[in-house]
Protein backbone atom coordinates (compact mmCIF):
# COMPACT_ATOMS: atom_id res chain seq x y z
CA UNK A 1 0.00 0.00 0.00
CA UNK A 2 1.28 3.44 -0.91
CA UNK A 3 1.65 6.19 1.66
CA UNK A 4 0.08 9.64 1.28
CA UNK A 5 3.29 11.22 -0.08
CA UNK A 6 3.65 8.52 -2.77
CA UNK A 7 0.01 8.94 -3.85
CA UNK A 8 0.45 12.71 -4.04
CA UNK A 9 3.53 12.25 -6.28
CA UNK A 10 1.49 10.07 -8.66
CA UNK A 11 -1.37 12.59 -8.70
CA UNK A 12 1.07 15.37 -9.62
CA UNK A 13 2.77 13.28 -12.28
CA UNK A 14 -0.45 12.16 -14.00
CA UNK A 15 -2.97 15.02 -13.85
CA UNK A 16 -6.44 14.72 -15.37
CA UNK A 17 -6.24 14.91 -19.16
CA UNK A 18 -2.75 13.37 -19.48
CA UNK A 19 -2.51 11.16 -22.57
CA UNK A 20 -0.91 7.74 -22.07
CA UNK A 21 0.33 5.01 -24.42
CA UNK A 22 0.18 1.53 -22.90
CA UNK A 23 3.13 -0.82 -23.46
CA UNK A 24 2.04 -3.68 -21.21
CA UNK A 25 -0.66 -4.21 -18.60
CA UNK A 26 -0.15 -6.77 -15.83
CA UNK A 27 -3.71 -8.09 -16.15
CA UNK A 28 -4.96 -11.16 -18.03
CA UNK A 29 -7.94 -9.13 -19.24
CA UNK A 30 -6.09 -5.85 -19.64
CA UNK A 31 -6.10 -3.30 -22.39
CA UNK A 32 -4.16 -4.18 -25.57
CA UNK A 33 -0.56 -3.01 -25.90
CA UNK A 34 -0.25 0.21 -27.89
CA UNK A 35 -3.69 1.49 -26.87
CA UNK A 36 -3.93 5.20 -26.09
CA UNK A 37 -5.97 6.64 -23.27
CA UNK A 38 -6.65 9.67 -21.09
CA UNK A 39 -6.21 9.99 -17.34
CA UNK A 40 -9.50 10.67 -15.57
CA UNK A 41 -7.98 10.98 -12.08
CA UNK A 42 -5.65 9.25 -9.64
CA UNK A 43 -7.53 7.66 -6.75
CA UNK A 44 -6.47 7.64 -3.10
CA UNK A 45 -4.79 4.23 -3.56
CA UNK A 46 -2.54 5.69 -6.28
CA UNK A 47 -4.27 3.88 -9.17
CA UNK A 48 -4.41 5.91 -12.37
CA UNK A 49 -8.04 5.77 -13.49
CA UNK A 50 -8.17 5.80 -17.30
CA UNK A 51 -10.60 6.05 -20.17
CA UNK A 52 -9.02 4.18 -23.07
CA UNK A 53 -9.60 5.14 -26.69
CA UNK A 54 -11.21 1.72 -27.26
CA UNK A 55 -13.96 2.71 -24.81
CA UNK A 56 -12.76 0.68 -21.84
CA UNK A 57 -12.19 2.12 -18.38
CA UNK A 58 -9.44 0.28 -16.55
CA UNK A 59 -6.89 1.69 -14.10
CA UNK A 60 -3.11 1.64 -14.44
CA UNK A 61 -0.82 0.80 -11.56
CA UNK A 62 2.46 2.68 -11.92
CA UNK A 63 4.55 -0.05 -10.25
CA UNK A 64 3.04 -2.93 -12.28
CA UNK A 65 2.12 -1.65 -15.74
CA UNK A 66 4.41 -0.31 -18.49
CA UNK A 67 3.29 2.91 -20.17
CA UNK A 68 4.47 6.33 -21.24
CA UNK A 69 3.14 9.85 -21.14
CA UNK A 70 2.61 11.08 -24.67
CA UNK A 71 1.01 14.44 -23.83
CA UNK A 72 0.21 16.43 -20.71
CA UNK A 73 -2.64 18.91 -20.47
CA UNK A 74 -1.40 22.32 -21.57
CA UNK A 75 -1.99 23.93 -18.17
CA UNK A 76 0.12 21.23 -16.45
CA UNK A 77 3.18 21.10 -18.72
CA UNK A 78 6.41 21.40 -16.75
CA UNK A 79 4.56 21.24 -13.43
CA UNK A 80 5.68 17.71 -12.52
CA UNK A 81 6.87 17.46 -8.92
CA UNK A 82 9.92 15.31 -8.20
CA UNK A 83 9.95 13.68 -4.75
C-alpha atoms as a PDB file:
ATOM      1  CA  UNK A   1       0.000   0.000   0.000  1.00  0.00           C
ATOM      2  CA  UNK A   2       1.283   3.442  -0.909  1.00  0.00           C
ATOM      3  CA  UNK A   3       1.647   6.191   1.661  1.00  0.00           C
ATOM      4  CA  UNK A   4       0.084   9.638   1.282  1.00  0.00           C
ATOM      5  CA  UNK A   5       3.292  11.218  -0.084  1.00  0.00           C
ATOM      6  CA  UNK A   6       3.645   8.521  -2.770  1.00  0.00           C
ATOM      7  CA  UNK A   7       0.015   8.940  -3.852  1.00  0.00           C
ATOM      8  CA  UNK A   8       0.446  12.710  -4.043  1.00  0.00           C
ATOM      9  CA  UNK A   9       3.527  12.249  -6.275  1.00  0.00           C
ATOM     10  CA  UNK A  10       1.492  10.067  -8.659  1.00  0.00           C
ATOM     11  CA  UNK A  11      -1.372  12.590  -8.699  1.00  0.00           C
ATOM     12  CA  UNK A  12       1.067  15.368  -9.616  1.00  0.00           C
ATOM     13  CA  UNK A  13       2.775  13.280 -12.277  1.00  0.00           C
ATOM     14  CA  UNK A  14      -0.452  12.163 -14.000  1.00  0.00           C
ATOM     15  CA  UNK A  15      -2.973  15.025 -13.847  1.00  0.00           C
ATOM     16  CA  UNK A  16      -6.440  14.723 -15.374  1.00  0.00           C
ATOM     17  CA  UNK A  17      -6.245  14.907 -19.164  1.00  0.00           C
ATOM     18  CA  UNK A  18      -2.752  13.374 -19.479  1.00  0.00           C
ATOM     19  CA  UNK A  19      -2.510  11.165 -22.565  1.00  0.00           C
ATOM     20  CA  UNK A  20      -0.910   7.743 -22.073  1.00  0.00           C
ATOM     21  CA  UNK A  21       0.327   5.007 -24.421  1.00  0.00           C
ATOM     22  CA  UNK A  22       0.183   1.531 -22.904  1.00  0.00           C
ATOM     23  CA  UNK A  23       3.128  -0.817 -23.464  1.00  0.00           C
ATOM     24  CA  UNK A  24       2.040  -3.679 -21.208  1.00  0.00           C
ATOM     25  CA  UNK A  25      -0.658  -4.209 -18.598  1.00  0.00           C
ATOM     26  CA  UNK A  26      -0.151  -6.768 -15.825  1.00  0.00           C
ATOM     27  CA  UNK A  27      -3.708  -8.095 -16.145  1.00  0.00           C
ATOM     28  CA  UNK A  28      -4.961 -11.162 -18.028  1.00  0.00           C
ATOM     29  CA  UNK A  29      -7.944  -9.132 -19.240  1.00  0.00           C
ATOM     30  CA  UNK A  30      -6.090  -5.847 -19.636  1.00  0.00           C
ATOM     31  CA  UNK A  31      -6.098  -3.299 -22.391  1.00  0.00           C
ATOM     32  CA  UNK A  32      -4.159  -4.177 -25.568  1.00  0.00           C
ATOM     33  CA  UNK A  33      -0.561  -3.013 -25.903  1.00  0.00           C
ATOM     34  CA  UNK A  34      -0.253   0.212 -27.889  1.00  0.00           C
ATOM     35  CA  UNK A  35      -3.690   1.492 -26.866  1.00  0.00           C
ATOM     36  CA  UNK A  36      -3.929   5.203 -26.091  1.00  0.00           C
ATOM     37  CA  UNK A  37      -5.971   6.641 -23.271  1.00  0.00           C
ATOM     38  CA  UNK A  38      -6.655   9.670 -21.092  1.00  0.00           C
ATOM     39  CA  UNK A  39      -6.207   9.990 -17.342  1.00  0.00           C
ATOM     40  CA  UNK A  40      -9.499  10.671 -15.569  1.00  0.00           C
ATOM     41  CA  UNK A  41      -7.983  10.975 -12.084  1.00  0.00           C
ATOM     42  CA  UNK A  42      -5.649   9.252  -9.642  1.00  0.00           C
ATOM     43  CA  UNK A  43      -7.531   7.660  -6.750  1.00  0.00           C
ATOM     44  CA  UNK A  44      -6.470   7.639  -3.099  1.00  0.00           C
ATOM     45  CA  UNK A  45      -4.793   4.232  -3.556  1.00  0.00           C
ATOM     46  CA  UNK A  46      -2.541   5.691  -6.281  1.00  0.00           C
ATOM     47  CA  UNK A  47      -4.265   3.883  -9.166  1.00  0.00           C
ATOM     48  CA  UNK A  48      -4.410   5.912 -12.374  1.00  0.00           C
ATOM     49  CA  UNK A  49      -8.040   5.774 -13.488  1.00  0.00           C
ATOM     50  CA  UNK A  50      -8.171   5.801 -17.298  1.00  0.00           C
ATOM     51  CA  UNK A  51     -10.597   6.053 -20.172  1.00  0.00           C
ATOM     52  CA  UNK A  52      -9.019   4.177 -23.073  1.00  0.00           C
ATOM     53  CA  UNK A  53      -9.597   5.141 -26.690  1.00  0.00           C
ATOM     54  CA  UNK A  54     -11.214   1.718 -27.261  1.00  0.00           C
ATOM     55  CA  UNK A  55     -13.965   2.710 -24.812  1.00  0.00           C
ATOM     56  CA  UNK A  56     -12.760   0.680 -21.844  1.00  0.00           C
ATOM     57  CA  UNK A  57     -12.194   2.119 -18.385  1.00  0.00           C
ATOM     58  CA  UNK A  58      -9.440   0.281 -16.554  1.00  0.00           C
ATOM     59  CA  UNK A  59      -6.889   1.693 -14.102  1.00  0.00           C
ATOM     60  CA  UNK A  60      -3.114   1.640 -14.439  1.00  0.00           C
ATOM     61  CA  UNK A  61      -0.824   0.802 -11.555  1.00  0.00           C
ATOM     62  CA  UNK A  62       2.459   2.675 -11.917  1.00  0.00           C
ATOM     63  CA  UNK A  63       4.553  -0.048 -10.252  1.00  0.00           C
ATOM     64  CA  UNK A  64       3.044  -2.926 -12.283  1.00  0.00           C
ATOM     65  CA  UNK A  65       2.120  -1.653 -15.742  1.00  0.00           C
ATOM     66  CA  UNK A  66       4.409  -0.309 -18.490  1.00  0.00           C
ATOM     67  CA  UNK A  67       3.286   2.911 -20.166  1.00  0.00           C
ATOM     68  CA  UNK A  68       4.467   6.335 -21.235  1.00  0.00           C
ATOM     69  CA  UNK A  69       3.138   9.845 -21.136  1.00  0.00           C
ATOM     70  CA  UNK A  70       2.614  11.083 -24.665  1.00  0.00           C
ATOM     71  CA  UNK A  71       1.008  14.436 -23.830  1.00  0.00           C
ATOM     72  CA  UNK A  72       0.206  16.425 -20.710  1.00  0.00           C
ATOM     73  CA  UNK A  73      -2.636  18.911 -20.473  1.00  0.00           C
ATOM     74  CA  UNK A  74      -1.403  22.323 -21.574  1.00  0.00           C
ATOM     75  CA  UNK A  75      -1.991  23.928 -18.169  1.00  0.00           C
ATOM     76  CA  UNK A  76       0.120  21.227 -16.454  1.00  0.00           C
ATOM     77  CA  UNK A  77       3.181  21.095 -18.718  1.00  0.00           C
ATOM     78  CA  UNK A  78       6.411  21.402 -16.748  1.00  0.00           C
ATOM     79  CA  UNK A  79       4.557  21.241 -13.425  1.00  0.00           C
ATOM     80  CA  UNK A  80       5.684  17.707 -12.523  1.00  0.00           C
ATOM     81  CA  UNK A  81       6.873  17.463  -8.924  1.00  0.00           C
ATOM     82  CA  UNK A  82       9.921  15.307  -8.199  1.00  0.00           C
ATOM     83  CA  UNK A  83       9.955  13.678  -4.751  1.00  0.00           C
END
